[in-house]
Amino acid sequence: MAQFSRIEVALKMEETGIVPVFFHKDIEICKKVVKACYDGGIRVFEFTNRGDFAHEVFAELIKWSILNTPEMILGIGSIVDPGTTSLYIQLGANFVVSPVLNPEMAKVCNRRKILWSPGCGSLSDISYAEELGAEVCKIFPGSSVGGPDFVKAIKGPCPWSSIMPTGGVTPDEENLTEWIKSGVTCVGMGSQLIGKDIIENDRYEELTQTSKRALKLVRELKKEK
C-alpha cells in the first residue's frame, strides 16, 4: 500500500522540482543511489521498470527505503499497461509514470488514489490526461517534443497544467534555468544525473553534491518566477 497520497506526491514534486529516474538490476547499487540522492535533498524518486525481474528489485528497494530513507517518495516508471500498474501498486509504489497515455492505467491508479503521470506529446494529450485525473503530466521525450518552448506554449492557454519533462534535462545551470523558467512543475533526470561513471567508480558522494546544487538552483529559480 502506498505510503503517500497522490496529493502529497504532487505537492512534493512541485516543492523539490527534481525527480531522478533510475534502474539497475543490482539492489545494492539501487540502495546506494537512492541514499545518495536522499542525502542530497531529493524526496521523489522514480525507479524504472526496464529490466528482467525489475518488480523484485523494486519490492526489496521500497521496503528498504521505508526504513532507511523514510521521507523518500518512491514510485515506478516505464509502465505501459494496467496489469503492470496493479502489480507495482500492490508492491507499494507511491506513484506511476508512463511514457504513453493509457486510459486504463488511469482507472487503476484513481481507484487507489495513486498519482498517475502519463506521457504526453501534445496539448490534446495533456488535456485528455487531465480529464482522466492526471495531476502531473509527463512530456517525453522532453527535448524532442519541443523543449522549454513547448512548455511555454502549453502554459499560455492552460496555465493550470502541471508538466514534468523527462529526456533532454541536465543538472547544469543553463539547462535547468530554461526548463524552470518555461513553467514546468518539476523535471525528471536519468543518466544526466546518475551517470555510469558514478556507479562504476563508486562516486556516490558526487551524486549527493550534484543533487544538492541542482535542488538549490531550482529553488532559487522558482522564487524568481
Protein backbone atom coordinates (compact mmCIF):
# COMPACT_ATOMS: atom_id res chain seq x y z
CA MET A 1 0.00 0.00 0.00
CA ALA A 2 1.29 3.48 -0.88
CA GLN A 3 2.78 5.50 1.98
CA PHE A 4 1.92 8.85 0.36
CA SER A 5 -1.30 10.12 -1.25
CA ARG A 6 -1.34 11.45 -4.80
CA ILE A 7 -1.80 14.98 -3.47
CA GLU A 8 1.27 14.61 -1.24
CA VAL A 9 3.27 13.32 -4.19
CA ALA A 10 2.20 16.15 -6.50
CA LEU A 11 3.00 18.79 -3.87
CA LYS A 12 6.43 17.30 -3.16
CA MET A 13 7.21 17.12 -6.89
CA GLU A 14 6.46 20.82 -7.16
CA GLU A 15 8.32 21.70 -3.96
CA THR A 16 11.60 19.94 -4.80
CA GLY A 17 11.42 20.20 -8.59
CA ILE A 18 13.67 17.24 -9.46
CA VAL A 19 12.77 13.56 -9.86
CA PRO A 20 15.70 11.18 -10.51
CA VAL A 21 14.92 8.35 -12.93
CA PHE A 22 16.93 5.15 -12.47
CA PHE A 23 17.09 1.38 -12.91
CA HIS A 24 19.72 -1.19 -12.06
CA LYS A 25 19.38 -4.92 -11.56
CA ASP A 26 21.71 -4.85 -8.54
CA ILE A 27 19.68 -3.98 -5.44
CA GLU A 28 22.76 -2.82 -3.52
CA ILE A 29 23.58 -0.28 -6.22
CA CYS A 30 19.96 0.89 -6.18
CA LYS A 31 20.16 1.41 -2.42
CA LYS A 32 23.36 3.45 -2.77
CA VAL A 33 21.84 5.64 -5.49
CA VAL A 34 18.62 6.29 -3.55
CA LYS A 35 20.59 7.07 -0.37
CA ALA A 36 22.97 9.43 -2.20
CA CYS A 37 20.03 11.30 -3.73
CA TYR A 38 18.24 11.37 -0.38
CA ASP A 39 21.31 12.81 1.35
CA GLY A 40 21.36 15.47 -1.36
CA GLY A 41 17.78 16.53 -0.56
CA ILE A 42 15.85 14.56 -3.19
CA ARG A 43 12.46 13.42 -1.91
CA VAL A 44 10.79 11.95 -5.01
CA PHE A 45 12.47 9.11 -6.92
CA GLU A 46 11.32 7.14 -9.98
CA PHE A 47 12.56 3.56 -10.30
CA THR A 48 12.03 2.39 -13.87
CA ASN A 49 10.53 -0.94 -14.93
CA ARG A 50 13.15 -1.71 -17.56
CA GLY A 51 14.90 -4.97 -16.77
CA ASP A 52 14.07 -8.60 -16.07
CA PHE A 53 12.72 -9.10 -12.55
CA ALA A 54 12.55 -5.32 -12.05
CA HIS A 55 9.49 -5.80 -9.84
CA GLU A 56 11.50 -8.00 -7.48
CA VAL A 57 14.21 -5.36 -7.18
CA PHE A 58 11.59 -2.68 -6.58
CA ALA A 59 9.85 -4.75 -3.91
CA GLU A 60 13.08 -5.02 -1.93
CA LEU A 61 14.09 -1.42 -2.59
CA ILE A 62 10.86 0.14 -1.34
CA LYS A 63 10.91 -1.95 1.86
CA TRP A 64 14.48 -0.79 2.45
CA SER A 65 13.58 2.82 1.63
CA ILE A 66 10.72 2.96 4.13
CA LEU A 67 13.21 2.12 6.89
CA ASN A 68 16.32 3.95 5.70
CA THR A 69 15.06 6.94 3.69
CA PRO A 70 11.60 7.41 5.23
CA GLU A 71 10.80 10.74 3.58
CA MET A 72 11.63 9.46 0.10
CA ILE A 73 8.57 9.07 -2.11
CA LEU A 74 9.48 6.09 -4.27
CA GLY A 75 7.45 5.41 -7.40
CA ILE A 76 7.66 3.40 -10.59
CA GLY A 77 8.18 4.48 -14.19
CA SER A 78 8.16 3.00 -17.72
CA ILE A 79 4.77 1.35 -17.12
CA VAL A 80 2.53 0.98 -20.18
CA ASP A 81 -0.39 -1.26 -19.17
CA PRO A 82 -2.92 -1.64 -16.34
CA GLY A 83 -1.75 -5.11 -15.29
CA THR A 84 1.78 -3.98 -14.53
CA THR A 85 0.35 -0.87 -12.87
CA SER A 86 -1.61 -3.09 -10.46
CA LEU A 87 1.47 -5.21 -9.76
CA TYR A 88 3.55 -2.23 -8.67
CA ILE A 89 0.74 -0.65 -6.67
CA GLN A 90 0.48 -3.92 -4.78
CA LEU A 91 4.23 -3.69 -4.09
CA GLY A 92 3.80 -0.21 -2.59
CA ALA A 93 4.54 2.22 -5.44
CA ASN A 94 3.62 5.77 -4.42
CA PHE A 95 3.16 6.96 -7.99
CA VAL A 96 3.14 5.55 -11.52
CA VAL A 97 4.80 7.20 -14.51
CA SER A 98 4.27 6.11 -18.10
CA PRO A 99 5.85 7.06 -21.44
CA VAL A 100 2.37 6.71 -23.00
CA LEU A 101 -1.19 7.81 -22.31
CA ASN A 102 -3.21 4.70 -21.48
CA PRO A 103 -6.70 5.46 -20.04
CA GLU A 104 -6.95 2.00 -18.46
CA MET A 105 -3.95 2.82 -16.28
CA ALA A 106 -5.76 5.92 -15.04
CA LYS A 107 -8.67 3.79 -13.81
CA VAL A 108 -6.37 1.51 -11.83
CA CYS A 109 -4.49 4.39 -10.22
CA ASN A 110 -7.56 6.51 -9.50
CA ARG A 111 -9.28 3.66 -7.67
CA ARG A 112 -6.34 3.56 -5.23
CA LYS A 113 -5.71 7.33 -5.23
CA ILE A 114 -2.23 6.82 -6.66
CA LEU A 115 -0.66 9.64 -8.67
CA TRP A 116 -0.52 8.73 -12.37
CA SER A 117 1.75 10.70 -14.69
CA PRO A 118 1.20 9.72 -18.34
CA GLY A 119 3.48 10.53 -21.25
CA CYS A 120 2.08 13.32 -23.43
CA GLY A 121 3.32 14.87 -26.66
CA SER A 122 0.67 17.49 -27.41
CA LEU A 123 -1.77 19.84 -25.72
CA SER A 124 -4.59 17.46 -26.68
CA ASP A 125 -2.78 14.64 -24.86
CA ILE A 126 -2.29 16.81 -21.78
CA SER A 127 -5.92 17.93 -21.77
CA TYR A 128 -7.17 14.35 -22.10
CA ALA A 129 -4.82 13.15 -19.36
CA GLU A 130 -6.12 15.86 -17.04
CA GLU A 131 -9.68 14.83 -17.86
CA LEU A 132 -8.68 11.32 -16.74
CA GLY A 133 -7.36 12.68 -13.45
CA ALA A 134 -3.64 13.21 -14.04
CA GLU A 135 -2.17 15.70 -11.54
CA VAL A 136 1.20 15.96 -13.31
CA CYS A 137 1.67 15.18 -17.00
CA LYS A 138 4.96 13.86 -18.27
CA ILE A 139 6.23 15.15 -21.61
CA PHE A 140 8.51 12.62 -23.24
CA PRO A 141 10.98 12.85 -24.78
CA GLY A 142 11.12 16.44 -23.48
CA SER A 143 13.74 17.69 -25.91
CA SER A 144 12.07 16.04 -28.91
CA VAL A 145 8.55 17.40 -28.41
CA GLY A 146 9.79 20.99 -28.39
CA GLY A 147 11.76 21.50 -25.18
CA PRO A 148 11.12 24.53 -22.93
CA ASP A 149 9.41 26.40 -25.80
CA PHE A 150 6.78 23.65 -25.94
CA VAL A 151 6.07 24.08 -22.22
CA LYS A 152 5.78 27.87 -22.60
CA ALA A 153 3.31 27.40 -25.43
CA ILE A 154 1.21 24.97 -23.34
CA LYS A 155 1.19 27.19 -20.25
CA GLY A 156 -0.17 30.12 -22.27
CA PRO A 157 -3.70 28.80 -22.83
CA CYS A 158 -3.54 26.25 -19.98
CA PRO A 159 -1.67 27.83 -17.02
CA TRP A 160 -3.19 25.25 -14.67
CA SER A 161 -1.34 22.36 -16.32
CA SER A 162 1.44 20.71 -14.29
CA ILE A 163 4.19 19.39 -16.52
CA MET A 164 7.22 17.16 -15.90
CA PRO A 165 9.66 16.82 -18.82
CA THR A 166 11.95 13.79 -18.98
CA GLY A 167 14.59 13.45 -21.68
CA GLY A 168 16.86 16.35 -22.50
CA VAL A 169 17.13 17.59 -18.89
CA THR A 170 20.54 18.02 -17.28
CA PRO A 171 21.62 19.32 -13.85
CA ASP A 172 23.66 22.21 -15.25
CA GLU A 173 22.55 25.79 -14.67
CA GLU A 174 21.74 26.77 -18.26
CA ASN A 175 19.55 23.75 -18.94
CA LEU A 176 17.68 23.86 -15.64
CA THR A 177 17.11 27.59 -15.96
CA GLU A 178 15.43 27.15 -19.36
CA TRP A 179 13.13 24.40 -18.10
CA ILE A 180 12.13 26.01 -14.80
CA LYS A 181 11.50 29.42 -16.38
CA SER A 182 9.32 27.76 -19.02
CA GLY A 183 6.87 26.84 -16.24
CA VAL A 184 7.47 23.15 -15.52
CA THR A 185 6.32 21.75 -12.18
CA CYS A 186 9.38 19.50 -11.95
CA VAL A 187 11.89 17.73 -14.18
CA GLY A 188 12.87 14.08 -14.50
CA MET A 189 16.57 13.28 -14.84
CA GLY A 190 18.16 9.93 -15.62
CA SER A 191 21.68 9.30 -16.85
CA GLN A 192 22.48 13.01 -16.94
CA LEU A 193 22.24 12.98 -13.14
CA ILE A 194 23.17 9.39 -12.34
CA GLY A 195 25.88 8.60 -14.88
CA LYS A 196 27.63 5.25 -15.38
CA ASP A 197 30.84 6.77 -14.05
CA ILE A 198 29.22 7.33 -10.64
CA ILE A 199 28.23 3.67 -10.38
CA GLU A 200 31.37 2.15 -11.90
CA ASN A 201 33.71 4.20 -9.69
CA ASP A 202 31.60 4.30 -6.52
CA ARG A 203 31.31 8.10 -6.63
CA TYR A 204 28.08 8.42 -4.72
CA GLU A 205 29.21 11.45 -2.74
CA GLU A 206 29.48 13.27 -6.07
CA LEU A 207 25.85 12.36 -6.79
CA THR A 208 24.86 13.78 -3.40
CA GLN A 209 26.64 17.05 -4.07
CA THR A 210 25.25 17.35 -7.62
CA SER A 211 21.74 16.79 -6.23
CA LYS A 212 22.26 19.50 -3.60
CA ARG A 213 23.46 22.03 -6.17
CA ALA A 214 20.65 21.25 -8.61
CA LEU A 215 17.96 21.48 -5.91
CA LYS A 216 19.36 24.78 -4.66
CA LEU A 217 19.31 26.17 -8.18
CA VAL A 218 15.73 25.01 -8.76
CA ARG A 219 14.58 26.64 -5.51
CA GLU A 220 16.21 29.91 -6.48
CA LEU A 221 14.75 29.83 -9.99
CA LYS A 222 11.24 29.12 -8.69
CA LYS A 223 11.47 32.10 -6.33
CA GLU A 224 12.33 34.34 -9.28
CA LYS A 225 9.26 33.30 -11.27
